[in-house]
N, C-alpha and C. Protein backbone atom coordinates (compact mmCIF):
# COMPACT_ATOMS: atom_id res chain seq x y z
N MET A 1 1.53 -11.44 -8.50
CA MET A 1 2.01 -12.80 -8.52
C MET A 1 2.67 -13.11 -7.18
N ASP A 2 2.39 -14.27 -6.63
CA ASP A 2 2.97 -14.66 -5.35
C ASP A 2 4.45 -14.99 -5.51
N ARG A 3 5.16 -14.94 -4.38
CA ARG A 3 6.61 -15.18 -4.38
C ARG A 3 6.95 -16.27 -3.37
N ILE A 4 7.76 -17.23 -3.80
CA ILE A 4 8.25 -18.24 -2.86
C ILE A 4 9.27 -17.57 -1.96
N ASP A 5 9.06 -17.68 -0.66
CA ASP A 5 9.95 -17.06 0.32
C ASP A 5 11.08 -17.99 0.71
N HIS A 6 10.74 -19.24 1.00
CA HIS A 6 11.77 -20.22 1.34
C HIS A 6 11.23 -21.64 1.18
N ILE A 7 12.14 -22.58 1.18
CA ILE A 7 11.81 -24.00 1.16
C ILE A 7 12.43 -24.61 2.41
N ALA A 8 11.67 -25.42 3.12
CA ALA A 8 12.16 -26.04 4.36
C ALA A 8 12.33 -27.55 4.15
N VAL A 9 13.52 -28.04 4.48
CA VAL A 9 13.82 -29.46 4.38
C VAL A 9 14.22 -29.98 5.75
N GLN A 10 13.92 -31.25 6.00
CA GLN A 10 14.24 -31.84 7.30
C GLN A 10 15.68 -32.32 7.37
N THR A 11 16.22 -32.25 8.58
CA THR A 11 17.56 -32.75 8.86
C THR A 11 17.59 -33.29 10.28
N GLU A 12 18.48 -34.21 10.54
CA GLU A 12 18.62 -34.75 11.90
C GLU A 12 19.53 -33.87 12.76
N SER A 13 20.43 -33.11 12.11
CA SER A 13 21.37 -32.25 12.85
C SER A 13 21.48 -30.90 12.17
N ILE A 14 20.98 -29.88 12.82
CA ILE A 14 21.07 -28.52 12.27
C ILE A 14 22.54 -28.13 12.11
N THR A 15 23.34 -28.35 13.12
CA THR A 15 24.76 -27.95 13.09
C THR A 15 25.50 -28.62 11.94
N ASP A 16 25.35 -29.94 11.81
CA ASP A 16 26.04 -30.66 10.73
C ASP A 16 25.55 -30.22 9.36
N SER A 17 24.25 -30.01 9.23
CA SER A 17 23.70 -29.60 7.94
C SER A 17 24.16 -28.20 7.55
N VAL A 18 24.18 -27.27 8.50
CA VAL A 18 24.66 -25.92 8.20
C VAL A 18 26.10 -25.98 7.70
N LYS A 19 26.92 -26.75 8.37
CA LYS A 19 28.32 -26.90 7.93
C LYS A 19 28.39 -27.44 6.51
N TRP A 20 27.58 -28.47 6.22
CA TRP A 20 27.59 -29.08 4.88
C TRP A 20 27.15 -28.08 3.82
N TYR A 21 26.04 -27.38 4.05
CA TYR A 21 25.54 -26.43 3.06
C TYR A 21 26.54 -25.29 2.82
N LYS A 22 27.17 -24.80 3.89
CA LYS A 22 28.15 -23.72 3.73
C LYS A 22 29.39 -24.20 2.96
N LYS A 23 29.75 -25.46 3.14
CA LYS A 23 30.90 -26.02 2.43
C LYS A 23 30.58 -26.25 0.94
N MET A 24 29.37 -26.71 0.66
CA MET A 24 28.96 -27.07 -0.70
C MET A 24 28.52 -25.88 -1.55
N PHE A 25 27.93 -24.88 -0.93
CA PHE A 25 27.30 -23.79 -1.67
C PHE A 25 27.72 -22.43 -1.12
N SER A 26 27.55 -21.43 -1.94
CA SER A 26 27.78 -20.05 -1.51
C SER A 26 26.46 -19.53 -0.92
N CYS A 27 26.39 -19.51 0.40
CA CYS A 27 25.18 -19.05 1.09
C CYS A 27 25.57 -18.46 2.44
N GLU A 28 24.65 -17.71 3.03
CA GLU A 28 24.88 -17.09 4.33
C GLU A 28 23.87 -17.63 5.33
N VAL A 29 24.29 -17.75 6.58
CA VAL A 29 23.39 -18.18 7.65
C VAL A 29 22.69 -16.93 8.19
N GLU A 30 21.37 -16.86 8.00
CA GLU A 30 20.59 -15.74 8.54
C GLU A 30 20.17 -16.00 9.98
N TYR A 31 19.94 -17.27 10.31
CA TYR A 31 19.50 -17.62 11.66
C TYR A 31 19.85 -19.08 11.92
N GLU A 32 20.18 -19.40 13.17
CA GLU A 32 20.43 -20.79 13.53
C GLU A 32 20.18 -21.00 15.02
N ASP A 33 19.41 -22.03 15.34
CA ASP A 33 19.28 -22.50 16.72
C ASP A 33 19.18 -24.02 16.68
N ALA A 34 18.81 -24.65 17.77
CA ALA A 34 18.80 -26.11 17.84
C ALA A 34 17.70 -26.76 17.01
N SER A 35 16.62 -26.02 16.70
CA SER A 35 15.50 -26.63 15.99
C SER A 35 15.38 -26.22 14.52
N TRP A 36 16.07 -25.14 14.13
CA TRP A 36 16.02 -24.77 12.71
C TRP A 36 17.10 -23.75 12.38
N ALA A 37 17.38 -23.65 11.09
CA ALA A 37 18.33 -22.65 10.58
C ALA A 37 17.78 -22.11 9.27
N LEU A 38 18.18 -20.89 8.94
CA LEU A 38 17.75 -20.27 7.69
C LEU A 38 18.99 -19.84 6.92
N LEU A 39 19.13 -20.39 5.72
CA LEU A 39 20.27 -20.08 4.86
C LEU A 39 19.80 -19.21 3.71
N LYS A 40 20.53 -18.15 3.43
CA LYS A 40 20.17 -17.23 2.35
C LYS A 40 21.04 -17.51 1.14
N PHE A 41 20.37 -17.76 0.02
CA PHE A 41 21.02 -17.90 -1.27
C PHE A 41 20.71 -16.64 -2.08
N GLU A 42 21.29 -16.50 -3.24
CA GLU A 42 21.06 -15.29 -4.03
C GLU A 42 19.59 -15.10 -4.38
N ASN A 43 18.88 -16.18 -4.71
CA ASN A 43 17.52 -16.03 -5.21
C ASN A 43 16.43 -16.58 -4.29
N THR A 44 16.80 -17.20 -3.17
CA THR A 44 15.80 -17.72 -2.25
C THR A 44 16.45 -18.06 -0.92
N LYS A 45 15.67 -18.62 -0.02
CA LYS A 45 16.18 -19.05 1.28
C LYS A 45 15.85 -20.53 1.47
N LEU A 46 16.70 -21.20 2.23
CA LEU A 46 16.50 -22.60 2.55
C LEU A 46 16.46 -22.73 4.07
N ALA A 47 15.36 -23.28 4.57
CA ALA A 47 15.24 -23.53 6.01
C ALA A 47 15.57 -24.99 6.27
N LEU A 48 16.38 -25.22 7.29
CA LEU A 48 16.70 -26.57 7.73
C LEU A 48 15.93 -26.78 9.03
N VAL A 49 15.12 -27.83 9.09
CA VAL A 49 14.26 -28.06 10.24
C VAL A 49 14.45 -29.48 10.77
N VAL A 50 14.26 -29.64 12.08
CA VAL A 50 14.36 -30.97 12.68
C VAL A 50 12.96 -31.59 12.77
N PRO A 51 12.88 -32.92 12.67
CA PRO A 51 11.57 -33.58 12.77
C PRO A 51 10.86 -33.23 14.08
N ASN A 52 9.56 -33.16 14.02
CA ASN A 52 8.68 -32.90 15.17
C ASN A 52 8.77 -31.47 15.71
N GLN A 53 9.53 -30.60 15.10
CA GLN A 53 9.58 -29.19 15.50
C GLN A 53 8.91 -28.31 14.44
N HIS A 54 9.30 -28.51 13.20
CA HIS A 54 8.76 -27.75 12.07
C HIS A 54 8.57 -28.72 10.92
N PRO A 55 7.48 -28.62 10.19
CA PRO A 55 7.29 -29.55 9.06
C PRO A 55 8.10 -29.10 7.85
N PRO A 56 8.54 -30.04 7.01
CA PRO A 56 9.12 -29.63 5.74
C PRO A 56 8.01 -28.94 4.93
N HIS A 57 8.35 -27.86 4.24
CA HIS A 57 7.31 -27.09 3.56
C HIS A 57 7.91 -26.15 2.52
N ILE A 58 7.02 -25.56 1.75
CA ILE A 58 7.35 -24.46 0.85
C ILE A 58 6.60 -23.25 1.38
N ALA A 59 7.32 -22.15 1.58
CA ALA A 59 6.70 -20.93 2.11
C ALA A 59 6.47 -19.93 0.99
N VAL A 60 5.26 -19.39 0.96
CA VAL A 60 4.86 -18.42 -0.05
C VAL A 60 4.43 -17.14 0.66
N LYS A 61 4.95 -15.99 0.20
CA LYS A 61 4.55 -14.71 0.80
C LYS A 61 3.14 -14.36 0.37
N ARG A 62 2.30 -14.03 1.37
CA ARG A 62 0.91 -13.64 1.12
C ARG A 62 0.54 -12.55 2.12
N ASP A 63 -0.37 -11.68 1.74
CA ASP A 63 -0.84 -10.66 2.67
C ASP A 63 -2.15 -11.06 3.35
N ASN A 64 -2.99 -11.81 2.67
CA ASN A 64 -4.34 -12.11 3.18
C ASN A 64 -4.38 -13.46 3.92
N LEU A 65 -3.56 -13.61 4.94
CA LEU A 65 -3.47 -14.88 5.67
C LEU A 65 -4.80 -15.29 6.29
N GLU A 66 -5.57 -14.33 6.74
CA GLU A 66 -6.83 -14.63 7.42
C GLU A 66 -7.79 -15.41 6.54
N SER A 67 -7.63 -15.34 5.22
CA SER A 67 -8.47 -16.10 4.30
C SER A 67 -8.21 -17.60 4.41
N PHE A 68 -7.08 -17.97 5.03
CA PHE A 68 -6.66 -19.37 5.08
C PHE A 68 -6.68 -19.94 6.50
N GLY A 69 -6.95 -19.13 7.50
CA GLY A 69 -6.97 -19.60 8.88
C GLY A 69 -6.51 -18.50 9.82
N SER A 70 -6.22 -18.89 11.05
CA SER A 70 -5.77 -17.93 12.06
C SER A 70 -4.25 -17.85 12.06
N PRO A 71 -3.68 -16.70 11.69
CA PRO A 71 -2.22 -16.57 11.64
C PRO A 71 -1.58 -16.74 13.02
N VAL A 72 -0.42 -17.35 13.02
CA VAL A 72 0.39 -17.51 14.22
C VAL A 72 1.55 -16.53 14.12
N LYS A 73 1.78 -15.75 15.19
CA LYS A 73 2.86 -14.76 15.18
C LYS A 73 4.16 -15.42 15.64
N HIS A 74 5.25 -15.14 14.92
CA HIS A 74 6.56 -15.69 15.24
C HIS A 74 7.42 -14.63 15.93
N ARG A 75 8.51 -15.07 16.54
CA ARG A 75 9.35 -14.16 17.33
C ARG A 75 9.97 -13.03 16.50
N ASP A 76 10.10 -13.22 15.18
CA ASP A 76 10.66 -12.16 14.34
C ASP A 76 9.61 -11.17 13.86
N GLY A 77 8.35 -11.36 14.31
CA GLY A 77 7.27 -10.47 13.91
C GLY A 77 6.48 -10.95 12.72
N SER A 78 6.98 -11.96 12.03
CA SER A 78 6.23 -12.50 10.89
C SER A 78 5.04 -13.30 11.40
N GLU A 79 4.08 -13.52 10.51
CA GLU A 79 2.91 -14.32 10.82
C GLU A 79 2.73 -15.35 9.72
N SER A 80 2.18 -16.51 10.08
CA SER A 80 1.98 -17.52 9.05
C SER A 80 0.81 -18.44 9.36
N VAL A 81 0.36 -19.10 8.30
CA VAL A 81 -0.67 -20.12 8.36
C VAL A 81 -0.16 -21.29 7.52
N TYR A 82 -0.31 -22.51 8.04
CA TYR A 82 0.07 -23.70 7.28
C TYR A 82 -1.16 -24.30 6.63
N VAL A 83 -1.03 -24.68 5.36
CA VAL A 83 -2.11 -25.34 4.62
C VAL A 83 -1.53 -26.54 3.89
N LYS A 84 -2.41 -27.48 3.54
CA LYS A 84 -2.01 -28.67 2.78
C LYS A 84 -2.56 -28.57 1.37
N SER A 85 -1.75 -28.99 0.40
CA SER A 85 -2.21 -29.07 -0.98
C SER A 85 -3.06 -30.33 -1.14
N PRO A 86 -3.76 -30.48 -2.26
CA PRO A 86 -4.53 -31.71 -2.49
C PRO A 86 -3.65 -32.98 -2.45
N ASP A 87 -2.35 -32.83 -2.70
CA ASP A 87 -1.44 -33.97 -2.66
C ASP A 87 -0.75 -34.12 -1.31
N ASN A 88 -1.24 -33.40 -0.31
CA ASN A 88 -0.75 -33.47 1.07
C ASN A 88 0.63 -32.83 1.27
N ASN A 89 1.03 -31.93 0.38
CA ASN A 89 2.25 -31.15 0.59
C ASN A 89 1.93 -29.98 1.51
N THR A 90 2.86 -29.64 2.38
CA THR A 90 2.64 -28.54 3.33
C THR A 90 3.17 -27.23 2.76
N PHE A 91 2.33 -26.20 2.84
CA PHE A 91 2.71 -24.86 2.44
C PHE A 91 2.54 -23.94 3.64
N GLU A 92 3.52 -23.07 3.82
CA GLU A 92 3.42 -22.03 4.83
C GLU A 92 3.14 -20.72 4.10
N LEU A 93 2.02 -20.10 4.40
CA LEU A 93 1.71 -18.79 3.85
C LEU A 93 2.21 -17.80 4.88
N ILE A 94 3.11 -16.91 4.47
CA ILE A 94 3.83 -16.07 5.44
C ILE A 94 3.72 -14.59 5.08
N ARG A 95 3.63 -13.78 6.13
CA ARG A 95 3.55 -12.32 5.98
C ARG A 95 4.56 -11.71 6.95
N TYR A 96 5.32 -10.74 6.46
CA TYR A 96 6.32 -10.05 7.28
C TYR A 96 5.81 -8.67 7.67
N PRO A 97 6.24 -8.15 8.82
CA PRO A 97 5.82 -6.80 9.20
C PRO A 97 6.33 -5.77 8.20
N LYS A 98 5.56 -4.71 8.01
CA LYS A 98 5.95 -3.69 7.03
C LYS A 98 6.77 -2.62 7.68
């Protein structure tokens, strides 16, 4: 069974949003820069993304990325492919190094 890795939502200010989420919820900042941040909750992760840098999406862990396109390697070693659902929702299929 596949596993949802994270959900990405758009924000105009990464810094302001990180402050708000930390104030409102019990979560940890795993990563933060000017274009995105990753917040860890007990059961999932929430990515905060700025418009025109990263699309809002739902990320699902998969091993067979090549079945969906050409994987793009990220700076943390993970690889991903973006696909659209029939309703035009964006999904990131992601694989982490073992």
